[in-house]
N, C-alpha and C. Protein backbone atom coordinates (compact mmCIF):
# COMPACT_ATOMS: atom_id res chain seq x y z
N UNK A 1 15.88 -19.98 -14.42
CA UNK A 1 15.11 -19.52 -13.02
C UNK A 1 13.89 -18.56 -13.06
N UNK A 2 13.81 -17.61 -14.08
CA UNK A 2 12.48 -16.85 -14.26
C UNK A 2 11.48 -17.66 -14.29
N UNK A 3 11.62 -18.87 -15.08
CA UNK A 3 10.37 -19.47 -15.25
C UNK A 3 9.94 -20.40 -13.94
N UNK A 4 10.94 -20.57 -13.34
CA UNK A 4 10.87 -21.30 -12.03
C UNK A 4 10.06 -20.33 -10.94
N UNK A 5 10.80 -19.06 -10.96
CA UNK A 5 10.03 -18.27 -10.19
C UNK A 5 8.46 -18.01 -10.55
N UNK A 6 8.23 -17.96 -11.69
CA UNK A 6 7.06 -17.73 -11.99
C UNK A 6 6.26 -19.02 -11.84
N UNK A 7 6.33 -19.88 -12.02
CA UNK A 7 5.87 -21.30 -11.38
C UNK A 7 4.95 -21.33 -10.23
N UNK A 8 5.99 -20.64 -9.52
CA UNK A 8 5.48 -20.24 -7.69
C UNK A 8 4.76 -19.19 -7.71
N UNK A 9 5.08 -17.81 -8.04
CA UNK A 9 4.15 -16.76 -7.91
C UNK A 9 3.70 -16.02 -9.14
N UNK A 10 3.69 -16.77 -10.33
CA UNK A 10 3.02 -15.95 -11.32
C UNK A 10 1.84 -16.14 -11.76
N UNK A 11 1.02 -16.28 -11.02
CA UNK A 11 -0.14 -15.96 -11.23
C UNK A 11 -0.86 -14.89 -10.45
N UNK A 12 -2.06 -14.18 -10.84
CA UNK A 12 -2.60 -12.86 -10.36
C UNK A 12 -2.64 -13.05 -8.88
N UNK A 13 -3.54 -14.22 -8.55
CA UNK A 13 -3.69 -14.43 -6.90
C UNK A 13 -2.59 -14.56 -5.98
N UNK A 14 -1.41 -14.99 -6.27
CA UNK A 14 -0.26 -15.53 -5.81
C UNK A 14 0.49 -14.02 -5.46
N UNK A 15 0.58 -13.30 -6.27
CA UNK A 15 1.24 -12.16 -6.11
C UNK A 15 0.38 -11.18 -5.55
N UNK A 16 -0.74 -11.09 -5.58
CA UNK A 16 -1.90 -10.02 -4.95
C UNK A 16 -1.82 -10.85 -3.39
N UNK A 17 -1.84 -12.13 -3.16
CA UNK A 17 -1.66 -12.23 -1.41
C UNK A 17 -0.27 -11.97 -1.02
N UNK A 18 1.09 -11.91 -1.86
CA UNK A 18 2.21 -11.60 -1.38
C UNK A 18 2.10 -10.08 -0.84
N UNK A 19 1.64 -9.03 -1.91
CA UNK A 19 1.20 -7.88 -1.94
C UNK A 19 0.52 -7.71 -0.44
N UNK A 20 -0.62 -8.29 -0.03
CA UNK A 20 -1.42 -8.07 0.76
C UNK A 20 -0.72 -8.54 2.41
N UNK A 21 0.42 -9.35 2.01
CA UNK A 21 1.00 -9.78 3.56
C UNK A 21 2.20 -8.88 3.67
N UNK A 22 2.80 -7.99 2.79
CA UNK A 22 4.04 -7.19 2.97
C UNK A 22 3.88 -6.30 4.04
N UNK A 23 2.75 -5.90 4.71
CA UNK A 23 2.65 -4.77 5.58
C UNK A 23 2.37 -5.72 6.91
N UNK A 24 2.32 -6.99 6.82
CA UNK A 24 2.42 -7.83 8.29
C UNK A 24 1.32 -8.79 8.05
N UNK A 25 1.49 -9.85 9.11
CA UNK A 25 0.29 -10.66 8.95
C UNK A 25 -1.18 -10.62 8.77
N UNK A 26 -1.92 -11.36 8.03
CA UNK A 26 -3.36 -11.13 7.85
C UNK A 26 -3.92 -12.47 8.28
N UNK A 27 -5.33 -12.44 8.81
CA UNK A 27 -5.94 -13.66 8.56
C UNK A 27 -6.69 -13.73 7.60
N UNK A 28 -7.26 -15.23 7.21
CA UNK A 28 -7.74 -15.65 6.32
C UNK A 28 -9.01 -14.70 5.83
N UNK A 29 -9.66 -14.21 6.86
CA UNK A 29 -11.00 -13.22 6.56
C UNK A 29 -10.57 -12.09 6.09
N UNK A 30 -9.26 -11.15 6.37
CA UNK A 30 -8.83 -10.19 5.98
C UNK A 30 -8.37 -10.34 4.33
N UNK A 31 -7.89 -11.52 4.27
CA UNK A 31 -7.51 -11.69 2.72
C UNK A 31 -8.47 -12.02 1.61
N UNK A 32 -9.80 -12.57 2.33
CA UNK A 32 -10.44 -12.81 1.33
C UNK A 32 -11.48 -11.29 1.35
N UNK A 33 -11.63 -10.66 2.13
CA UNK A 33 -12.00 -9.28 2.11
C UNK A 33 -11.34 -8.36 0.85
N UNK A 34 -9.61 -8.43 1.24
CA UNK A 34 -8.99 -7.50 0.29
C UNK A 34 -8.94 -7.73 -0.88
N UNK A 35 -8.77 -9.49 -1.24
CA UNK A 35 -8.64 -9.68 -2.60
C UNK A 35 -9.82 -10.16 -3.16
N UNK A 36 -10.91 -9.76 -2.66
CA UNK A 36 -12.58 -9.58 -3.60
C UNK A 36 -12.06 -9.43 -5.05
N UNK A 37 -12.78 -10.35 -5.83
CA UNK A 37 -13.53 -11.43 -5.74
C UNK A 37 -12.96 -12.90 -5.70
N UNK A 38 -12.19 -13.05 -5.39
CA UNK A 38 -11.42 -14.20 -4.84
C UNK A 38 -12.51 -15.27 -3.85
N UNK A 39 -12.60 -16.27 -4.37
CA UNK A 39 -13.26 -17.36 -3.54
C UNK A 39 -12.42 -18.04 -2.58
N UNK A 40 -13.40 -18.35 -1.22
CA UNK A 40 -12.44 -19.02 -0.18
C UNK A 40 -11.77 -20.13 -0.70
N UNK A 41 -12.38 -21.10 -1.40
CA UNK A 41 -11.69 -22.22 -2.31
C UNK A 41 -10.41 -21.99 -2.94
N UNK A 42 -10.56 -21.03 -3.48
CA UNK A 42 -9.17 -20.48 -4.60
C UNK A 42 -8.19 -19.75 -3.44
N UNK A 43 -8.56 -19.10 -2.49
CA UNK A 43 -7.82 -18.65 -1.90
C UNK A 43 -6.72 -19.82 -0.89
N UNK A 44 -7.40 -20.76 -0.37
CA UNK A 44 -7.33 -21.74 0.26
C UNK A 44 -6.05 -22.61 -0.72
N UNK A 45 -6.47 -22.70 -1.80
CA UNK A 45 -5.52 -23.32 -2.79
C UNK A 45 -4.20 -22.72 -2.87
N UNK A 46 -4.46 -21.30 -2.93
CA UNK A 46 -3.15 -20.38 -3.21
C UNK A 46 -2.26 -20.52 -2.13
N UNK A 47 -3.00 -20.23 -0.78
CA UNK A 47 -1.95 -20.34 0.15
C UNK A 47 -1.49 -21.40 0.66
N UNK A 48 -1.91 -22.63 0.17
CA UNK A 48 -1.43 -23.93 0.45
C UNK A 48 -0.24 -24.14 -0.57
N UNK A 49 -0.04 -23.33 -1.95
CA UNK A 49 0.77 -23.58 -2.73
C UNK A 49 2.08 -22.86 -2.34
N UNK A 50 1.60 -21.31 -1.65
CA UNK A 50 2.85 -20.74 -1.23
C UNK A 50 3.19 -21.31 0.11
N UNK A 51 2.58 -21.93 0.78
CA UNK A 51 3.14 -22.39 2.04
C UNK A 51 4.15 -23.55 1.79
N UNK A 52 3.50 -24.57 0.58
CA UNK A 52 4.50 -25.29 0.06
C UNK A 52 5.85 -25.04 -0.55
N UNK A 53 5.57 -23.70 -1.10
CA UNK A 53 7.03 -23.27 -1.69
C UNK A 53 7.55 -22.31 -0.56
N UNK A 54 7.49 -22.30 0.61
CA UNK A 54 7.90 -21.45 1.81
C UNK A 54 8.06 -20.29 1.23
N UNK A 55 6.70 -19.62 1.11
CA UNK A 55 6.93 -18.19 0.71
C UNK A 55 6.10 -17.51 2.10
N UNK A 56 4.98 -18.37 2.16
CA UNK A 56 3.75 -17.89 3.30
C UNK A 56 3.87 -19.07 4.46
N UNK A 57 3.96 -18.57 5.56
CA UNK A 57 3.79 -19.55 6.73
C UNK A 57 2.55 -19.29 7.58
N UNK A 58 2.10 -20.12 8.32
CA UNK A 58 1.10 -19.72 9.41
C UNK A 58 1.59 -19.41 10.86
N UNK A 59 0.78 -18.50 11.42
CA UNK A 59 1.40 -17.80 12.66
C UNK A 59 -0.09 -18.12 13.39
N UNK A 60 0.06 -19.36 14.14
CA UNK A 60 -1.22 -19.30 15.41
C UNK A 60 -1.43 -18.34 15.79
N UNK A 61 -2.81 -18.01 16.41
CA UNK A 61 -3.10 -16.81 17.27
C UNK A 61 -2.57 -17.03 18.59
N UNK A 62 -2.36 -15.81 19.30
CA UNK A 62 -1.82 -16.45 21.14
C UNK A 62 -3.20 -16.77 21.51
N UNK A 63 -4.22 -16.47 21.29
CA UNK A 63 -5.79 -16.85 21.67
C UNK A 63 -6.53 -17.00 20.55
N UNK A 64 -7.72 -17.94 20.96
CA UNK A 64 -8.42 -18.26 19.87
C UNK A 64 -8.27 -19.11 18.92
N UNK A 65 -8.89 -19.30 18.05
CA UNK A 65 -8.36 -20.70 17.01
C UNK A 65 -8.29 -20.02 15.60
N UNK A 66 -8.36 -18.57 15.76
CA UNK A 66 -7.69 -17.94 14.11
C UNK A 66 -6.50 -18.20 13.83
N UNK A 67 -6.08 -18.30 12.55
CA UNK A 67 -4.92 -18.44 12.08
C UNK A 67 -4.61 -17.45 11.28
N UNK A 68 -3.06 -16.71 11.39
CA UNK A 68 -2.74 -15.83 10.63
C UNK A 68 -1.62 -16.26 9.68
N UNK A 69 -1.59 -15.50 8.52
CA UNK A 69 -0.72 -15.93 7.48
C UNK A 69 0.47 -14.69 7.38
N UNK A 70 1.59 -15.08 7.21
CA UNK A 70 2.83 -14.14 7.07
C UNK A 70 3.54 -14.56 6.04
N UNK A 71 4.50 -13.88 5.62
CA UNK A 71 5.32 -13.93 4.70
C UNK A 71 6.70 -14.35 5.08
N UNK A 72 7.30 -15.36 4.72
CA UNK A 72 8.73 -15.89 5.20
C UNK A 72 9.84 -14.88 4.57
N UNK A 73 11.30 -14.84 5.01
CA UNK A 73 11.88 -14.19 4.70
C UNK A 73 12.19 -14.19 2.85
N UNK A 74 11.74 -15.54 2.40
CA UNK A 74 11.80 -15.74 1.16
C UNK A 74 10.33 -14.80 0.49
N UNK A 75 9.37 -14.62 1.18
CA UNK A 75 8.33 -14.09 0.56
C UNK A 75 8.61 -12.33 0.68
N UNK A 76 9.27 -12.01 1.60
CA UNK A 76 9.52 -10.70 2.02
C UNK A 76 10.43 -10.36 0.80
N UNK A 77 11.29 -11.12 0.34
CA UNK A 77 12.21 -10.69 -0.76
C UNK A 77 11.49 -10.50 -2.16
N UNK A 78 10.21 -10.59 -1.86
CA UNK A 78 9.44 -10.61 -3.09
C UNK A 78 9.06 -9.03 -3.36
N UNK A 79 9.35 -8.07 -2.00
CA UNK A 79 8.66 -6.90 -1.92
C UNK A 79 9.36 -5.92 -3.22
N UNK A 80 10.50 -5.88 -3.67
CA UNK A 80 11.27 -4.84 -4.94
C UNK A 80 10.07 -5.42 -5.91
N UNK A 81 10.06 -6.68 -6.32
CA UNK A 81 9.32 -7.16 -7.41
C UNK A 81 7.78 -6.63 -7.49
N UNK A 82 7.17 -6.84 -6.24
CA UNK A 82 5.53 -6.07 -6.33
C UNK A 82 5.89 -4.74 -6.37
N UNK A 83 6.71 -4.01 -5.69
CA UNK A 83 6.93 -2.50 -5.82
C UNK A 83 7.02 -2.07 -7.47
N UNK A 84 7.95 -2.83 -8.17
CA UNK A 84 8.12 -2.58 -9.58
C UNK A 84 6.64 -2.58 -10.43
N UNK A 85 5.96 -3.66 -9.97
CA UNK A 85 4.85 -3.87 -10.69
C UNK A 85 3.86 -2.91 -10.29
N UNK A 86 3.41 -2.62 -9.14
CA UNK A 86 3.08 -1.62 -8.84
C UNK A 86 3.23 -0.07 -9.33
N UNK A 87 4.42 -0.09 -9.42
CA UNK A 87 5.12 1.38 -10.15
C UNK A 87 4.62 1.43 -11.30
N UNK A 88 4.40 0.27 -12.27
CA UNK A 88 4.11 0.34 -13.58
C UNK A 88 2.71 0.45 -13.68
N UNK A 89 2.08 -0.04 -12.72
CA UNK A 89 0.90 0.06 -12.96
C UNK A 89 0.48 1.53 -12.76
N UNK A 90 0.70 2.21 -11.94
CA UNK A 90 0.61 3.42 -11.73
C UNK A 90 0.91 4.55 -12.84
N UNK A 91 1.95 4.12 -13.52
CA UNK A 91 2.64 5.32 -14.82
C UNK A 91 2.08 4.75 -16.02
N UNK A 92 1.70 3.48 -16.22
CA UNK A 92 1.24 2.80 -17.39
C UNK A 92 -0.49 2.47 -17.67
N UNK A 93 -0.73 2.28 -16.46
CA UNK A 93 -2.55 2.17 -16.59
C UNK A 93 -2.79 3.07 -15.54
N UNK A 94 -3.05 4.21 -16.02
CA UNK A 94 -3.37 5.28 -15.18
C UNK A 94 -4.89 5.56 -15.03
N UNK A 95 -5.61 4.85 -15.41
CA UNK A 95 -7.09 4.91 -15.22
C UNK A 95 -7.28 4.80 -13.90
N UNK A 96 -8.27 5.62 -13.14
CA UNK A 96 -8.40 5.97 -12.08
C UNK A 96 -9.48 4.88 -11.65
N UNK A 97 -9.80 4.57 -10.17
CA UNK A 97 -10.52 3.56 -10.02
C UNK A 97 -12.01 3.45 -10.47
N UNK A 98 -12.51 2.22 -10.94
CA UNK A 98 -13.67 2.18 -11.99
C UNK A 98 -14.80 2.19 -10.52
N UNK A 99 -15.79 2.85 -10.77
CA UNK A 99 -16.94 2.76 -9.86
C UNK A 99 -17.34 1.45 -9.25
N UNK A 100 -17.12 0.38 -9.88
CA UNK A 100 -17.37 -0.69 -9.02
C UNK A 100 -16.29 -1.82 -8.59
N UNK A 101 -15.13 -0.87 -8.53
CA UNK A 101 -13.67 -1.41 -8.19
C UNK A 101 -13.36 -1.24 -6.80
N UNK A 102 -13.41 -2.18 -5.96
CA UNK A 102 -12.83 -1.91 -4.43
C UNK A 102 -11.59 -1.45 -4.43
N UNK A 103 -11.49 -0.11 -3.29
CA UNK A 103 -10.29 0.31 -3.34
C UNK A 103 -10.11 0.09 -1.72
N UNK A 104 -8.83 -0.42 -1.64
CA UNK A 104 -8.47 -0.72 -0.20
C UNK A 104 -7.20 -0.17 0.47
N UNK A 105 -7.21 0.02 1.56
CA UNK A 105 -6.10 0.97 2.02
C UNK A 105 -4.56 0.48 1.98
N UNK A 106 -4.33 -0.86 2.21
CA UNK A 106 -3.15 -1.20 1.78
C UNK A 106 -2.51 -1.06 0.21
N UNK A 107 -3.53 -1.45 -0.58
CA UNK A 107 -3.21 -0.99 -2.02
C UNK A 107 -3.13 0.29 -2.27
N UNK A 108 -3.69 1.18 -1.77
CA UNK A 108 -3.51 2.64 -2.03
C UNK A 108 -2.37 3.09 -1.33
N UNK A 109 -1.70 2.55 -0.21
CA UNK A 109 -0.58 3.02 0.57
C UNK A 109 0.23 2.25 -0.12
N UNK A 110 0.70 1.31 -0.40
CA UNK A 110 1.66 0.74 -0.92
C UNK A 110 2.00 1.52 -2.31
N UNK A 111 1.12 1.47 -3.32
CA UNK A 111 1.10 2.73 -4.06
C UNK A 111 1.73 4.22 -4.10
N UNK A 112 1.56 4.27 -2.89
CA UNK A 112 1.92 5.89 -2.35
C UNK A 112 3.45 5.62 -1.99
N UNK A 113 3.70 4.73 -1.26
CA UNK A 113 4.95 4.52 -1.19
C UNK A 113 5.86 4.63 -2.04
N UNK A 114 5.52 3.38 -3.07
CA UNK A 114 6.17 3.09 -4.21
C UNK A 114 6.40 4.72 -5.15
N UNK A 115 5.38 5.49 -5.38
CA UNK A 115 5.70 6.59 -6.12
C UNK A 115 6.46 7.45 -5.66
N UNK A 116 6.28 7.70 -4.06
CA UNK A 116 7.42 8.82 -3.77
C UNK A 116 8.65 8.03 -3.60
N UNK A 117 9.25 6.52 -3.51
CA UNK A 117 10.34 6.47 -3.59
C UNK A 117 11.16 6.33 -5.14
N UNK A 118 10.06 6.46 -6.20
CA UNK A 118 10.46 6.44 -7.65
C UNK A 118 10.52 8.04 -7.92
N UNK A 119 9.79 8.92 -7.38
CA UNK A 119 9.79 10.27 -7.74
C UNK A 119 10.03 11.44 -6.70
N UNK A 120 9.91 11.25 -5.28
CA UNK A 120 10.24 12.12 -4.56
C UNK A 120 11.11 11.54 -3.56
N UNK A 121 12.68 11.42 -3.73
CA UNK A 121 13.80 11.24 -2.47
C UNK A 121 13.31 11.54 -1.20
N UNK A 122 13.61 10.54 -0.22
CA UNK A 122 13.11 10.75 0.97
C UNK A 122 14.06 12.03 1.82
N UNK A 123 13.44 12.89 2.55
CA UNK A 123 14.33 13.76 3.10
C UNK A 123 15.39 12.89 4.29
N UNK A 124 16.19 13.70 4.79
CA UNK A 124 16.99 13.20 5.66
C UNK A 124 16.61 13.34 7.31
N UNK A 125 15.68 13.92 7.44
CA UNK A 125 15.11 14.65 8.54
C UNK A 125 14.28 13.93 9.14
N UNK A 126 13.75 12.72 8.81
CA UNK A 126 13.05 11.64 9.46
C UNK A 126 11.34 12.00 9.44
N UNK A 127 11.25 12.53 8.46
CA UNK A 127 9.81 13.32 8.11
C UNK A 127 8.86 12.07 8.52
N UNK A 128 7.79 12.70 8.91
CA UNK A 128 6.71 11.55 9.16
C UNK A 128 5.22 12.07 8.45
N UNK A 129 4.74 11.38 7.50
CA UNK A 129 3.21 11.76 7.09
C UNK A 129 2.02 10.49 7.63
N UNK A 130 1.14 11.08 7.98
CA UNK A 130 0.00 10.00 8.46
C UNK A 130 -1.43 10.02 7.55
N UNK A 131 -1.73 8.71 6.98
CA UNK A 131 -3.09 8.89 6.47
C UNK A 131 -4.30 8.44 7.25
N UNK A 132 -5.21 8.77 7.44
CA UNK A 132 -6.43 8.15 8.10
C UNK A 132 -7.43 7.75 7.38
N UNK A 133 -7.84 6.70 6.73
CA UNK A 133 -9.01 6.14 6.15
C UNK A 133 -10.14 5.67 6.97
N UNK A 134 -11.55 6.14 6.34
CA UNK A 134 -12.63 5.65 7.35
C UNK A 134 -12.44 4.00 7.65
N UNK A 135 -12.96 3.63 8.65
CA UNK A 135 -13.39 2.45 9.02
C UNK A 135 -11.97 1.37 9.06
N UNK A 136 -10.74 2.22 9.10
CA UNK A 136 -9.47 1.40 9.08
C UNK A 136 -8.44 2.04 9.87
N UNK A 137 -7.32 1.14 10.12
CA UNK A 137 -6.44 1.55 10.98
C UNK A 137 -5.74 2.81 10.12
N UNK A 138 -4.76 3.57 10.91
CA UNK A 138 -4.03 4.67 10.08
C UNK A 138 -2.98 3.97 9.57
N UNK A 139 -2.00 4.71 8.65
CA UNK A 139 -1.19 4.12 8.13
C UNK A 139 0.18 5.49 8.46
N UNK A 140 1.33 5.07 8.53
CA UNK A 140 2.38 5.78 8.41
C UNK A 140 3.41 5.87 7.50
N UNK A 141 3.88 6.86 6.88
CA UNK A 141 5.15 6.87 5.85
C UNK A 141 6.03 7.66 6.59
N UNK A 142 7.45 7.10 6.70
CA UNK A 142 8.27 7.74 7.59
C UNK A 142 9.74 7.85 6.50
N UNK A 143 10.50 8.92 6.40
CA UNK A 143 11.33 9.08 5.65
C UNK A 143 12.75 8.72 6.49
N UNK A 144 13.22 7.37 6.09
CA UNK A 144 14.19 6.79 6.97
C UNK A 144 15.40 5.73 6.06
N UNK A 145 16.60 6.06 6.30
CA UNK A 145 17.38 5.03 5.67
C UNK A 145 17.31 5.50 4.10
N UNK A 146 17.23 6.86 3.78
CA UNK A 146 17.43 7.02 2.44
C UNK A 146 16.00 6.80 1.41
N UNK A 147 15.25 6.36 2.19
CA UNK A 147 13.73 6.03 1.29
C UNK A 147 12.58 5.85 2.24
N UNK A 148 11.12 6.08 1.56
CA UNK A 148 9.93 6.08 2.40
C UNK A 148 9.65 4.66 2.82
N UNK A 149 9.48 4.56 3.97
CA UNK A 149 9.31 3.29 4.40
C UNK A 149 7.45 3.30 5.20
N UNK A 150 7.08 2.33 4.98
CA UNK A 150 5.21 2.27 5.26
C UNK A 150 5.10 1.44 6.35
N UNK A 151 4.42 1.63 7.20
CA UNK A 151 3.70 0.75 8.17
C UNK A 151 2.19 0.73 8.54
N UNK A 152 1.55 0.12 9.06
CA UNK A 152 0.06 0.24 9.49
C UNK A 152 0.37 0.49 10.95
N UNK A 153 -0.55 1.51 11.08
CA UNK A 153 -0.46 2.21 12.53
C UNK A 153 -0.20 3.76 12.43
N UNK A 154 -0.13 4.79 13.53
CA UNK A 154 0.19 5.71 13.52
C UNK A 154 1.10 6.28 14.25
N UNK A 155 2.19 6.84 13.59
CA UNK A 155 3.95 7.53 14.45
C UNK A 155 3.10 8.83 14.92
N UNK A 156 3.79 9.09 16.01
CA UNK A 156 3.86 10.26 16.53
C UNK A 156 4.34 11.50 15.87
N UNK A 157 4.26 12.58 16.01
CA UNK A 157 5.06 13.86 15.36
C UNK A 157 4.84 13.86 13.60
N UNK A 158 3.73 13.61 13.43
CA UNK A 158 3.54 13.43 11.91
C UNK A 158 3.33 15.24 11.44
N UNK A 159 4.43 15.62 10.55
CA UNK A 159 4.43 16.89 9.72
C UNK A 159 2.80 17.02 9.30
N UNK A 160 2.37 16.01 8.55
CA UNK A 160 1.01 16.35 7.88
C UNK A 160 0.23 14.95 8.05
N UNK A 161 -1.06 15.17 8.31
CA UNK A 161 -1.94 14.06 8.48
C UNK A 161 -3.02 14.27 7.46
N UNK A 162 -3.14 13.03 6.61
CA UNK A 162 -4.26 13.40 5.49
C UNK A 162 -5.60 12.67 6.01
N UNK A 163 -6.71 13.06 5.79
CA UNK A 163 -7.80 12.54 5.86
C UNK A 163 -8.50 12.58 4.75
N UNK A 164 -8.91 11.31 4.15
CA UNK A 164 -9.45 10.70 2.73
C UNK A 164 -10.07 9.58 2.75
N UNK A 165 -10.81 9.49 1.88
CA UNK A 165 -11.12 7.95 1.32
C UNK A 165 -10.32 6.88 0.72
N UNK A 166 -10.26 5.88 0.88
CA UNK A 166 -9.53 5.09 -0.07
C UNK A 166 -9.51 5.49 -1.39
N UNK A 167 -10.59 5.63 -1.99
CA UNK A 167 -11.08 5.81 -3.50
C UNK A 167 -10.32 7.49 -3.87
N UNK A 168 -10.63 8.26 -2.85
CA UNK A 168 -10.53 9.72 -3.23
C UNK A 168 -8.76 9.60 -3.38
N UNK A 169 -8.36 9.01 -2.48
CA UNK A 169 -6.80 9.10 -2.46
C UNK A 169 -5.93 8.53 -3.53
N UNK A 170 -6.57 7.10 -3.82
CA UNK A 170 -6.26 6.29 -5.39
C UNK A 170 -6.52 7.35 -6.31
N UNK A 171 -7.62 7.99 -6.70
CA UNK A 171 -7.83 8.73 -7.61
C UNK A 171 -6.91 9.93 -7.89
N UNK A 172 -6.46 10.71 -6.38
CA UNK A 172 -5.54 11.66 -6.56
C UNK A 172 -4.36 11.05 -7.14
N UNK A 173 -3.61 9.78 -6.58
CA UNK A 173 -2.67 9.39 -6.99
C UNK A 173 -2.47 9.09 -8.74
N UNK A 174 -3.75 8.60 -8.89
CA UNK A 174 -3.37 7.96 -10.53
C UNK A 174 -3.67 9.31 -11.51
N UNK A 175 -4.01 10.58 -10.73
CA UNK A 175 -4.54 11.44 -11.82
C UNK A 175 -3.03 12.44 -12.57
N UNK A 176 -3.36 13.03 -13.45
CA UNK A 176 -2.00 13.52 -14.03
C UNK A 176 -1.40 14.72 -13.13
N UNK A 177 -0.43 14.90 -13.01
CA UNK A 177 0.30 15.49 -11.93
C UNK A 177 0.21 16.98 -12.68
N UNK A 178 -0.17 17.49 -13.65
CA UNK A 178 -0.29 18.98 -14.14
C UNK A 178 -1.82 19.49 -13.74
N UNK A 179 -2.58 18.47 -13.36
CA UNK A 179 -3.96 18.60 -12.76
C UNK A 179 -4.02 18.58 -11.37
N UNK A 180 -2.84 18.04 -10.57
CA UNK A 180 -2.95 18.02 -9.01
C UNK A 180 -3.07 19.20 -8.31
N UNK A 181 -3.99 19.15 -7.49
CA UNK A 181 -4.06 20.19 -6.29
C UNK A 181 -4.30 19.97 -5.06
N UNK A 182 -3.43 20.07 -3.88
CA UNK A 182 -3.57 19.67 -2.53
C UNK A 182 -3.75 20.64 -1.44
N UNK A 183 -4.63 20.86 -0.62
CA UNK A 183 -6.01 20.07 -0.35
C UNK A 183 -7.04 20.18 -1.29
N UNK A 184 -7.65 19.30 -1.53
CA UNK A 184 -8.83 19.13 -2.42
C UNK A 184 -10.14 18.93 -1.54
N UNK A 185 -11.28 19.19 -2.06
CA UNK A 185 -12.63 18.71 -1.51
C UNK A 185 -12.51 17.31 -0.88
N UNK A 186 -11.91 16.53 -1.58
CA UNK A 186 -11.81 14.98 -1.47
C UNK A 186 -10.63 14.77 -0.35
N UNK A 187 -9.65 15.49 -0.41
CA UNK A 187 -8.39 15.03 0.37
C UNK A 187 -7.98 16.43 1.47
N UNK A 188 -8.32 16.00 2.71
CA UNK A 188 -8.14 17.00 3.50
C UNK A 188 -6.72 16.74 4.37
N UNK A 189 -6.06 17.95 4.41
CA UNK A 189 -4.66 17.88 4.95
C UNK A 189 -4.67 18.86 6.26
N UNK A 190 -3.94 18.23 7.32
CA UNK A 190 -3.74 18.60 8.76
C UNK A 190 -2.37 19.12 8.67
N UNK A 191 -1.79 20.19 8.96
CA UNK A 191 -0.18 20.77 9.23
C UNK A 191 -0.08 22.06 8.81
N UNK A 192 0.98 22.64 9.34
CA UNK A 192 1.21 24.10 8.89
C UNK A 192 1.09 24.16 7.33
N UNK A 193 1.04 25.53 7.05
CA UNK A 193 1.25 25.88 5.48
C UNK A 193 2.40 25.34 4.81
N UNK A 194 3.50 25.73 5.64
CA UNK A 194 4.79 25.30 4.91
C UNK A 194 4.85 23.83 4.77
N UNK A 195 4.23 23.04 5.58
CA UNK A 195 4.43 21.52 5.82
C UNK A 195 3.61 21.01 4.55
N UNK A 196 2.27 21.80 4.44
CA UNK A 196 1.54 21.20 3.59
C UNK A 196 1.89 21.31 2.17
N UNK A 197 2.72 22.86 1.81
CA UNK A 197 3.49 22.92 0.73
C UNK A 197 4.22 21.64 0.28
N UNK A 198 5.19 21.51 1.08
CA UNK A 198 5.90 20.66 1.05
C UNK A 198 5.77 19.10 0.89
N UNK A 199 4.46 18.80 1.27
CA UNK A 199 3.71 17.75 0.99
C UNK A 199 3.30 17.97 -0.34
N UNK A 200 2.40 19.01 -0.87
CA UNK A 200 2.26 18.74 -2.09
C UNK A 200 3.22 18.78 -3.42
N UNK A 201 4.28 19.25 -3.12
CA UNK A 201 5.02 19.52 -3.80
C UNK A 201 6.18 17.96 -4.09
N UNK A 202 5.99 17.07 -2.88
CA UNK A 202 6.15 15.83 -3.07
C UNK A 202 5.55 14.88 -3.70
N UNK A 203 4.47 15.54 -4.05
CA UNK A 203 3.22 14.55 -5.23
C UNK A 203 3.11 15.34 -6.53
N UNK A 204 4.09 16.39 -6.63
CA UNK A 204 3.96 16.99 -7.68
C UNK A 204 2.55 17.89 -8.06
N UNK A 205 2.29 18.57 -7.03
CA UNK A 205 0.70 18.89 -6.88
C UNK A 205 1.16 20.50 -6.57
N UNK A 206 0.35 21.20 -6.99
CA UNK A 206 0.43 22.51 -6.54
C UNK A 206 -0.61 22.67 -4.99
N UNK A 207 0.11 23.50 -3.95
CA UNK A 207 -0.68 23.71 -3.16
C UNK A 207 -1.85 24.55 -3.13
N UNK A 208 -3.06 24.02 -2.98
CA UNK A 208 -4.12 25.27 -3.14
C UNK A 208 -4.19 26.31 -1.81
N UNK A 209 -5.04 27.46 -2.18
CA UNK A 209 -4.58 28.44 -1.02
C UNK A 209 -5.56 28.07 0.12
N UNK A 210 -5.50 28.20 1.43
CA UNK A 210 -6.07 27.55 2.70
C UNK A 210 -7.32 28.67 2.92
């Protein structure tokens, strides 16, 4: 059965397409951007294969001619596998992003969710944290149902709001825990001193003096 699964989603691009659709439907142009340097021809081929395997399906736009791609229930079932691969990368391929390596919001935030779910159990009080990156939609992490849940968009009532570039946040997330400090010059936090201390502790960081 493992071999059959790998025949469908075992190559690099297919898994990355699944990863990039986990937070909701995306357009072809969105996927070209986040999967750079994939070529449009290769992306078309992988999408067709995933559609044939009923992992991905098309979702016509309500207006215009754009086509959106979304995961089927079968595709969504791959979330635990993607999360485990992401966690392995954070823990065992610890190098920060290379200067020439693009860092996208979805990638950084999926890594954040996975890391927290492994190392910092979600509290029971419905805690909400929001990330704001330049030139992109905000992201919300909410403690719910015993785990951290991630979505695009900004929920109200955030205890802490993070202001950072995608690269700076990814660099922080892949840094050794003994060297972590929050906030830093590159990662700014908005919230009360107590909530910022709580946030820093969740990431194994020391709260820097304000």
